[in-house]
Amino acid sequence: MELLEEREQLKHAMESRPVIDMARGVLIAGLACQPEEAWEILVTVSQHANIKLRDVAEAITSAATGKPMPEVLQEHLAAAVRSWQADRA
């Protein structure tokens, strides 16, 4: 039973990784930040919005292609970016 759960978790992680990497790329390109900084922004938004990281990443990649991002995510993303910018100053 434990092996099946682990298998499902690994499968889910493998399916989630590409969209998370794409969202990191969007942030890197849009903010001129480092990959680690993009990761931290994604994690911060996910934690503060209480939304799964994959869902945050999907919203960011969709927004990059013109689909509106949910307002709650826009607010959390803006706050995370402001915090990141303040840390850089």
Protein backbone atom coordinates (compact mmCIF):
# COMPACT_ATOMS: atom_id res chain seq x y z
CA MET A 1 0.00 0.00 0.00
CA GLU A 2 2.79 2.41 0.91
CA LEU A 3 4.57 1.67 -2.36
CA LEU A 4 1.43 2.53 -4.34
CA GLU A 5 1.10 5.86 -2.55
CA GLU A 6 4.73 6.68 -3.22
CA ARG A 7 4.28 5.76 -6.87
CA GLU A 8 1.27 8.08 -7.18
CA GLN A 9 3.15 10.92 -5.48
CA LEU A 10 6.08 10.52 -7.85
CA LYS A 11 3.75 10.41 -10.85
CA HIS A 12 2.03 13.59 -9.71
CA ALA A 13 5.38 15.30 -9.15
CA MET A 14 6.55 14.37 -12.64
CA GLU A 15 3.35 15.76 -14.14
CA SER A 16 3.56 18.97 -12.10
CA ARG A 17 7.21 19.76 -12.74
CA PRO A 18 6.92 21.05 -16.33
CA VAL A 19 4.25 23.62 -15.52
CA ILE A 20 6.17 24.76 -12.45
CA ASP A 21 9.33 25.13 -14.54
CA MET A 22 7.39 27.12 -17.16
CA ALA A 23 6.03 29.45 -14.48
CA ARG A 24 9.55 29.96 -13.16
CA GLY A 25 10.60 30.85 -16.69
CA VAL A 26 7.79 33.39 -16.97
CA LEU A 27 8.87 35.00 -13.71
CA ILE A 28 12.56 34.94 -14.68
CA ALA A 29 11.80 36.62 -17.99
CA GLY A 30 9.29 39.09 -16.60
CA LEU A 31 11.18 40.12 -13.49
CA ALA A 32 14.78 39.53 -14.55
CA CYS A 33 15.23 37.40 -11.45
CA GLN A 34 17.29 34.31 -10.77
CA PRO A 35 15.74 30.81 -10.92
CA GLU A 36 15.96 30.44 -7.13
CA GLU A 37 14.19 33.78 -6.68
CA ALA A 38 11.42 32.74 -9.06
CA TRP A 39 11.02 29.53 -7.05
CA GLU A 40 10.75 31.51 -3.80
CA ILE A 41 8.12 33.80 -5.32
CA LEU A 42 6.06 30.79 -6.44
CA VAL A 43 6.33 29.15 -3.02
CA THR A 44 5.43 32.38 -1.23
CA VAL A 45 2.32 32.88 -3.37
CA SER A 46 1.30 29.26 -2.88
CA GLN A 47 1.70 29.41 0.89
CA HIS A 48 0.06 32.81 1.41
CA ALA A 49 -2.85 32.08 -0.94
CA ASN A 50 -3.17 28.53 0.41
CA ILE A 51 -3.24 27.23 -3.16
CA LYS A 52 -1.21 24.30 -4.46
CA LEU A 53 2.04 25.26 -6.13
CA ARG A 54 1.01 23.56 -9.37
CA ASP A 55 -2.22 25.60 -9.48
CA VAL A 56 -0.29 28.83 -8.92
CA ALA A 57 2.11 27.84 -11.69
CA GLU A 58 -0.76 27.03 -14.06
CA ALA A 59 -2.35 30.43 -13.39
CA ILE A 60 0.94 32.23 -14.08
CA THR A 61 1.60 30.36 -17.32
CA SER A 62 -1.99 30.90 -18.45
CA ALA A 63 -1.73 34.61 -17.67
CA ALA A 64 1.40 34.77 -19.82
CA THR A 65 -0.73 33.65 -22.77
CA GLY A 66 -3.51 36.14 -22.08
CA LYS A 67 -5.87 34.26 -19.77
CA PRO A 68 -6.90 36.39 -16.77
CA MET A 69 -5.40 35.35 -13.45
CA PRO A 70 -7.79 35.03 -10.51
CA GLU A 71 -7.77 38.24 -8.49
CA VAL A 72 -6.70 36.53 -5.28
CA LEU A 73 -3.61 35.18 -7.02
CA GLN A 74 -2.88 38.55 -8.61
CA GLU A 75 -2.88 40.12 -5.15
CA HIS A 76 -0.63 37.47 -3.64
CA LEU A 77 1.73 37.53 -6.62
CA ALA A 78 1.98 41.32 -6.46
CA ALA A 79 2.74 41.15 -2.73
CA ALA A 80 5.40 38.45 -3.25
CA VAL A 81 7.02 40.48 -6.02
CA ARG A 82 7.02 43.64 -3.87
CA SER A 83 8.66 41.69 -1.06
CA TRP A 84 11.26 40.26 -3.44
CA GLN A 85 11.99 43.74 -4.82
CA ALA A 86 12.34 45.16 -1.31
CA ASP A 87 14.82 42.42 -0.42
CA ARG A 88 16.91 43.29 -3.48
CA ALA A 89 17.11 46.99 -2.60
